[in-house]
């Protein structure tokens, strides 16, 4: 039984020019929309995640409170619940799976809010990692519709170093003998395990492993952590979906559209909403320096680093109450402004 809703967008032409005969957006609503439709928080998903992976922070006393706000998690295209290579009836009729972009994610989410929920203005967009990329796209493309943004461990444009990390993941997965150059002829177990271990080395800091912080999350050894938290996580996912989301991530750039035509300064300057940008001080691929540079070019943004040894995962602090408290305070500050 599904624990989410589906919005059928019908035939849709993607930003890449490919027309998908039937595009659908999977989403879940937590809490109740008020009569003025003024209490909606949009919470897009991160890489490889579905709504049930990231809704731990929704609850009374948590980062997002469903007793006061209506929180909507739209599953990004490519994640296996919304339209993805694994759900399309013939994803290779164009020679390869269609390339989804954050322009497509924002367009689908925009239709969901207006056509299904009747919401004109978003009280807050909250996003971590690829979810934060979608939040910043929203802020640049629809500034009049976004009241506030909280973005953790993310970027407005994927940096060259971040892209190299992602290219390494793709290379590991497609090195599996089941890859035929366009898709997998068999499930790439070896490739997925290699993919997971490379990812684990990048997503947490050196101090995380040096100080065995995996024990704080209930794991008995580093190997236990790698097998259960990383290999087990990615073995649940369709490998073509993982490749699709890598393409979306690499291409992420809030200025890569007809409005801004590659001018990142103009795109960042168009984000009118008060924003708190929260890099982790030990994130290895969404770095503090990169976030500082982008935030300085946003007119109403504050850089508020998360000082943590949990690397990129500090922005999704399921096992670190101190990091959660820092993010929760930022959300309270934005919603009370």
Protein backbone atom coordinates (compact mmCIF):
# COMPACT_ATOMS: atom_id res chain seq x y z
CA UNK A 1 0.00 0.00 0.00
CA UNK A 2 1.39 3.40 -1.02
CA UNK A 3 2.05 5.91 1.73
CA UNK A 4 2.13 8.84 -0.69
CA UNK A 5 0.10 10.55 -3.40
CA UNK A 6 0.73 10.76 -7.14
CA UNK A 7 0.21 13.84 -9.29
CA UNK A 8 -0.07 12.92 -12.97
CA UNK A 9 1.28 15.82 -15.02
CA UNK A 10 0.45 14.21 -18.37
CA UNK A 11 2.67 14.54 -21.45
CA UNK A 12 5.56 16.80 -20.48
CA UNK A 13 8.47 18.25 -22.42
CA UNK A 14 11.57 18.28 -20.25
CA UNK A 15 14.19 21.01 -20.26
CA UNK A 16 16.45 18.72 -22.31
CA UNK A 17 13.85 18.73 -25.10
CA UNK A 18 12.59 15.17 -24.62
CA UNK A 19 8.82 14.75 -24.30
CA UNK A 20 7.78 12.16 -21.73
CA UNK A 21 4.32 10.75 -22.61
CA UNK A 22 3.24 10.70 -18.97
CA UNK A 23 5.19 12.37 -16.18
CA UNK A 24 4.20 11.84 -12.56
CA UNK A 25 5.28 13.40 -9.30
CA UNK A 26 5.12 11.40 -6.06
CA UNK A 27 4.60 13.49 -2.96
CA UNK A 28 3.54 13.28 0.67
CA UNK A 29 1.77 15.86 2.83
CA UNK A 30 2.38 16.16 6.58
CA UNK A 31 0.13 18.46 8.59
CA UNK A 32 -2.75 20.61 7.42
CA UNK A 33 -2.86 23.58 5.09
CA UNK A 34 -4.46 26.59 6.78
CA UNK A 35 -7.40 28.51 5.35
CA UNK A 36 -5.12 31.23 3.97
CA UNK A 37 -2.78 28.62 2.38
CA UNK A 38 0.04 30.54 4.08
CA UNK A 39 1.73 27.80 6.12
CA UNK A 40 3.21 25.53 3.47
CA UNK A 41 6.80 24.32 3.77
CA UNK A 42 8.28 22.65 0.70
CA UNK A 43 10.92 20.01 1.47
CA UNK A 44 12.43 18.48 -1.71
CA UNK A 45 14.37 15.20 -1.55
CA UNK A 46 18.12 14.70 -1.65
CA UNK A 47 20.23 12.30 -3.72
CA UNK A 48 19.01 8.71 -3.61
CA UNK A 49 16.39 9.58 -0.98
CA UNK A 50 12.66 9.11 -0.99
CA UNK A 51 10.28 10.93 1.34
CA UNK A 52 10.36 8.17 3.94
CA UNK A 53 14.15 8.48 4.19
CA UNK A 54 14.09 12.16 5.13
CA UNK A 55 10.84 12.67 7.05
CA UNK A 56 12.45 11.79 10.40
CA UNK A 57 12.89 15.54 11.03
CA UNK A 58 9.15 16.21 10.75
CA UNK A 59 7.33 16.14 14.08
CA UNK A 60 6.49 18.20 17.17
CA UNK A 61 9.70 19.64 18.52
CA UNK A 62 11.69 18.62 15.44
CA UNK A 63 13.10 20.82 12.67
CA UNK A 64 9.76 20.97 10.82
CA UNK A 65 6.60 21.01 12.93
CA UNK A 66 3.46 19.52 11.29
CA UNK A 67 1.25 20.87 14.06
CA UNK A 68 1.91 24.43 12.84
CA UNK A 69 2.85 23.93 9.21
CA UNK A 70 1.77 21.90 6.21
CA UNK A 71 4.94 20.19 5.01
CA UNK A 72 5.06 18.77 1.49
CA UNK A 73 7.85 16.46 0.36
CA UNK A 74 7.97 16.16 -3.44
CA UNK A 75 10.11 13.23 -4.55
CA UNK A 76 12.56 14.47 -7.13
CA UNK A 77 12.38 13.06 -10.64
CA UNK A 78 14.66 10.06 -10.97
CA UNK A 79 14.37 8.85 -7.37
CA UNK A 80 12.25 5.77 -8.11
CA UNK A 81 8.90 7.10 -6.87
CA UNK A 82 8.42 10.04 -9.19
CA UNK A 83 9.02 9.41 -12.90
CA UNK A 84 12.41 7.72 -13.21
CA UNK A 85 14.22 5.37 -15.55
CA UNK A 86 12.89 2.50 -13.40
CA UNK A 87 9.27 3.65 -13.73
CA UNK A 88 9.09 4.82 -17.35
CA UNK A 89 7.64 2.17 -19.68
CA UNK A 90 10.39 2.66 -22.28
CA UNK A 91 13.10 4.95 -20.93
CA UNK A 92 15.53 4.03 -23.72
CA UNK A 93 13.31 4.89 -26.68
CA UNK A 94 15.47 8.02 -27.02
CA UNK A 95 18.73 6.05 -27.01
CA UNK A 96 19.19 6.53 -23.28
CA UNK A 97 17.14 7.41 -20.22
CA UNK A 98 15.84 11.00 -20.45
CA UNK A 99 17.86 13.59 -18.55
CA UNK A 100 15.91 15.23 -15.74
CA UNK A 101 17.02 18.63 -14.44
CA UNK A 102 16.13 20.78 -11.48
CA UNK A 103 14.21 22.96 -13.93
CA UNK A 104 11.96 19.93 -14.44
CA UNK A 105 11.72 19.33 -10.69
CA UNK A 106 10.73 22.93 -9.99
CA UNK A 107 8.24 23.00 -12.87
CA UNK A 108 6.55 19.82 -11.62
CA UNK A 109 6.50 21.08 -8.02
CA UNK A 110 5.09 24.41 -9.17
CA UNK A 111 2.21 22.64 -10.88
CA UNK A 112 1.61 20.53 -7.77
CA UNK A 113 1.35 23.60 -5.57
CA UNK A 114 -0.90 25.58 -7.89
CA UNK A 115 -3.09 22.88 -9.46
CA UNK A 116 -3.47 20.44 -6.56
CA UNK A 117 -2.85 22.39 -3.35
CA UNK A 118 -3.89 25.88 -4.44
CA UNK A 119 -0.83 27.53 -2.90
CA UNK A 120 0.56 30.75 -4.35
CA UNK A 121 3.33 31.48 -1.84
CA UNK A 122 5.64 29.12 0.03
CA UNK A 123 6.34 30.01 3.67
CA UNK A 124 9.69 28.20 3.61
CA UNK A 125 11.64 25.94 1.29
CA UNK A 126 13.87 23.66 3.31
CA UNK A 127 16.40 21.45 1.56
CA UNK A 128 19.55 19.44 2.17
CA UNK A 129 22.07 18.62 -0.56
CA UNK A 130 20.16 18.13 -3.85
CA UNK A 131 17.07 19.30 -1.97
CA UNK A 132 18.90 22.54 -1.25
CA UNK A 133 19.77 22.88 -4.93
CA UNK A 134 16.06 22.74 -5.72
CA UNK A 135 15.36 25.34 -3.02
CA UNK A 136 17.86 27.76 -4.58
CA UNK A 137 16.42 27.12 -8.05
CA UNK A 138 13.01 28.05 -6.67
CA UNK A 139 14.40 31.24 -5.13
CA UNK A 140 15.99 32.37 -8.38
CA UNK A 141 13.22 31.34 -10.78
CA UNK A 142 10.17 32.25 -8.67
CA UNK A 143 11.34 34.90 -6.18
CA UNK A 144 7.84 36.29 -5.74
CA UNK A 145 6.54 32.94 -4.52
CA UNK A 146 9.16 32.10 -1.89
CA UNK A 147 9.04 33.74 1.55
CA UNK A 148 12.16 32.10 3.02
CA UNK A 149 14.85 29.52 2.25
CA UNK A 150 16.88 27.27 4.54
CA UNK A 151 19.48 25.32 2.56
CA UNK A 152 21.96 22.95 4.20
CA UNK A 153 25.12 21.52 2.64
CA UNK A 154 24.32 22.47 -0.94
CA UNK A 155 25.20 24.77 -3.84
CA UNK A 156 23.65 27.04 -6.42
CA UNK A 157 25.99 25.62 -9.08
CA UNK A 158 27.75 22.27 -8.87
CA UNK A 159 31.45 22.96 -8.50
CA UNK A 160 34.10 21.26 -10.69
CA UNK A 161 35.41 19.33 -7.68
CA UNK A 162 31.92 18.16 -6.72
CA UNK A 163 31.34 17.06 -10.33
CA UNK A 164 34.57 15.03 -10.23
CA UNK A 165 33.35 13.19 -7.12
CA UNK A 166 30.12 12.36 -8.93
CA UNK A 167 31.94 11.25 -12.06
CA UNK A 168 33.92 8.87 -9.85
CA UNK A 169 30.70 7.38 -8.49
CA UNK A 170 29.37 6.93 -12.00
CA UNK A 171 32.62 5.32 -13.13
CA UNK A 172 32.52 2.84 -10.23
CA UNK A 173 28.92 1.83 -10.91
CA UNK A 174 29.36 1.47 -14.66
CA UNK A 175 32.58 -0.55 -14.22
CA UNK A 176 30.33 -3.43 -13.21
CA UNK A 177 30.36 -6.22 -15.83
CA UNK A 178 26.60 -5.86 -16.19
CA UNK A 179 26.93 -2.43 -17.83
CA UNK A 180 26.60 -2.52 -21.62
CA UNK A 181 27.29 1.15 -22.29
CA UNK A 182 23.67 2.30 -22.06
CA UNK A 183 22.00 0.23 -19.31
CA UNK A 184 22.58 -2.76 -17.04
CA UNK A 185 21.95 -6.25 -18.38
CA UNK A 186 21.96 -7.64 -14.84
CA UNK A 187 21.80 -6.15 -11.37
CA UNK A 188 25.25 -4.60 -10.67
CA UNK A 189 25.85 -5.83 -7.13
CA UNK A 190 29.62 -5.36 -7.33
CA UNK A 191 29.20 -1.91 -8.82
CA UNK A 192 26.69 -0.83 -6.19
CA UNK A 193 28.93 -1.99 -3.34
CA UNK A 194 31.91 -0.12 -4.80
CA UNK A 195 29.72 2.95 -5.36
CA UNK A 196 28.57 2.88 -1.73
CA UNK A 197 32.07 2.66 -0.28
CA UNK A 198 33.38 5.52 -2.39
CA UNK A 199 30.38 7.61 -1.36
CA UNK A 200 30.94 6.82 2.33
CA UNK A 201 34.49 8.14 2.12
CA UNK A 202 33.31 11.47 0.75
CA UNK A 203 30.11 12.01 2.74
CA UNK A 204 31.75 11.91 6.20
CA UNK A 205 34.83 13.75 7.37
CA UNK A 206 38.26 12.43 8.28
CA UNK A 207 37.49 13.20 11.93
CA UNK A 208 34.29 11.15 11.72
CA UNK A 209 36.25 8.00 10.93
CA UNK A 210 39.27 8.86 13.10
CA UNK A 211 37.02 9.26 16.15
CA UNK A 212 34.75 6.31 15.27
CA UNK A 213 31.66 8.51 15.33
CA UNK A 214 29.70 5.75 13.59
CA UNK A 215 29.32 4.28 17.08
CA UNK A 216 27.04 7.21 17.98
CA UNK A 217 24.62 5.96 15.32
CA UNK A 218 24.52 2.46 16.80
CA UNK A 219 27.08 0.65 14.62
CA UNK A 220 29.61 -1.71 16.20
CA UNK A 221 32.46 -1.19 13.74
CA UNK A 222 33.42 0.77 10.67
CA UNK A 223 32.69 -2.28 8.53
CA UNK A 224 29.26 -2.66 10.11
CA UNK A 225 28.60 0.99 9.30
CA UNK A 226 29.73 0.64 5.67
CA UNK A 227 27.71 -2.51 5.05
CA UNK A 228 24.45 -1.52 6.75
CA UNK A 229 24.35 2.25 6.31
CA UNK A 230 25.93 2.53 2.86
CA UNK A 231 25.91 -0.72 0.92
CA UNK A 232 22.50 -1.62 2.30
CA UNK A 233 21.13 1.80 1.42
CA UNK A 234 22.20 1.84 -2.21
CA UNK A 235 21.44 -1.84 -2.82
CA UNK A 236 17.78 -0.83 -2.32
CA UNK A 237 17.89 1.51 -5.31
CA UNK A 238 17.67 1.01 -9.04
CA UNK A 239 21.10 1.65 -10.59
CA UNK A 240 19.69 3.56 -13.56
CA UNK A 241 17.87 5.86 -11.15
CA UNK A 242 21.16 6.49 -9.34
CA UNK A 243 22.84 7.39 -12.64
CA UNK A 244 19.93 9.65 -13.56
CA UNK A 245 20.22 11.61 -10.32
CA UNK A 246 23.99 11.93 -10.79
CA UNK A 247 23.31 13.59 -14.15
CA UNK A 248 20.82 15.96 -12.50
CA UNK A 249 23.30 16.84 -9.77
CA UNK A 250 26.24 17.45 -12.10
CA UNK A 251 24.11 19.74 -14.28
CA UNK A 252 22.68 21.70 -11.34
CA UNK A 253 23.12 25.43 -11.96
CA UNK A 254 20.51 28.05 -11.05
CA UNK A 255 21.74 30.24 -13.92
CA UNK A 256 21.55 27.60 -16.67
CA UNK A 257 18.24 28.67 -18.17
CA UNK A 258 16.78 31.17 -20.62
CA UNK A 259 16.29 33.80 -17.92
CA UNK A 260 19.88 34.06 -16.66
CA UNK A 261 21.83 32.51 -19.59
CA UNK A 262 24.72 31.33 -17.43
CA UNK A 263 25.08 34.54 -15.39
CA UNK A 264 25.40 33.11 -11.87
CA UNK A 265 25.74 36.56 -10.29
CA UNK A 266 22.40 37.59 -11.80
CA UNK A 267 20.73 34.36 -10.68
CA UNK A 268 22.02 34.64 -7.12
CA UNK A 269 21.05 38.30 -7.06
CA UNK A 270 17.50 37.39 -8.05
CA UNK A 271 16.93 35.42 -4.84
CA UNK A 272 14.95 37.96 -2.86
CA UNK A 273 13.81 35.73 0.01
CA UNK A 274 15.59 35.84 3.36
CA UNK A 275 17.83 32.79 3.29
CA UNK A 276 20.10 30.98 5.69
CA UNK A 277 22.76 28.94 3.92
CA UNK A 278 24.24 26.28 6.18
CA UNK A 279 27.38 24.49 4.97
CA UNK A 280 29.08 21.97 7.19
CA UNK A 281 32.59 23.03 8.17
CA UNK A 282 33.82 19.53 7.28
CA UNK A 283 31.80 18.87 4.10
CA UNK A 284 34.24 17.52 1.52
CA UNK A 285 32.27 18.41 -1.60
CA UNK A 286 29.85 21.25 -0.72
CA UNK A 287 32.61 23.27 0.86
CA UNK A 288 32.42 26.21 3.22
CA UNK A 289 34.43 28.38 0.83
CA UNK A 290 32.09 27.66 -2.07
CA UNK A 291 29.04 28.43 0.08
CA UNK A 292 30.63 31.64 1.35
CA UNK A 293 31.22 32.81 -2.21
CA UNK A 294 27.65 32.10 -3.32
CA UNK A 295 25.99 33.49 -0.20
CA UNK A 296 27.85 36.78 -0.53
CA UNK A 297 26.13 37.34 -3.87
CA UNK A 298 22.60 36.78 -2.51
CA UNK A 299 21.02 40.04 -1.31
CA UNK A 300 19.20 38.71 1.77
CA UNK A 301 21.23 35.66 2.72
CA UNK A 302 23.16 34.75 5.85
CA UNK A 303 25.97 32.18 5.95
CA UNK A 304 25.50 30.11 9.11
CA UNK A 305 27.96 27.17 9.14
CA UNK A 306 27.26 23.94 10.98
CA UNK A 307 30.37 23.19 13.02
CA UNK A 308 30.42 19.42 13.01
CA UNK A 309 32.66 16.42 12.36
CA UNK A 310 29.85 14.68 10.47
CA UNK A 311 30.86 16.13 7.11
CA UNK A 312 28.09 16.37 4.54
CA UNK A 313 25.78 14.40 6.81
CA UNK A 314 25.73 17.29 9.31
CA UNK A 315 23.07 18.76 7.04
CA UNK A 316 20.84 15.73 7.65
CA UNK A 317 21.53 15.26 11.38
CA UNK A 318 19.51 12.19 12.18
CA UNK A 319 22.09 11.01 14.73
CA UNK A 320 23.47 14.34 16.00
CA UNK A 321 21.08 16.33 18.21
CA UNK A 322 23.52 19.22 18.46
CA UNK A 323 23.54 19.68 14.66
CA UNK A 324 19.77 19.30 14.56
CA UNK A 325 19.44 22.08 17.16
CA UNK A 326 21.52 24.45 15.02
CA UNK A 327 19.34 23.82 11.96
CA UNK A 328 16.10 23.98 13.96
CA UNK A 329 17.10 27.41 15.26
CA UNK A 330 17.72 28.63 11.70
CA UNK A 331 14.28 27.42 10.64
CA UNK A 332 12.66 29.15 13.64
CA UNK A 333 14.50 32.36 12.84
CA UNK A 334 13.29 32.34 9.23
CA UNK A 335 9.68 31.48 10.07
CA UNK A 336 9.44 34.12 12.81
CA UNK A 337 10.99 36.93 10.77
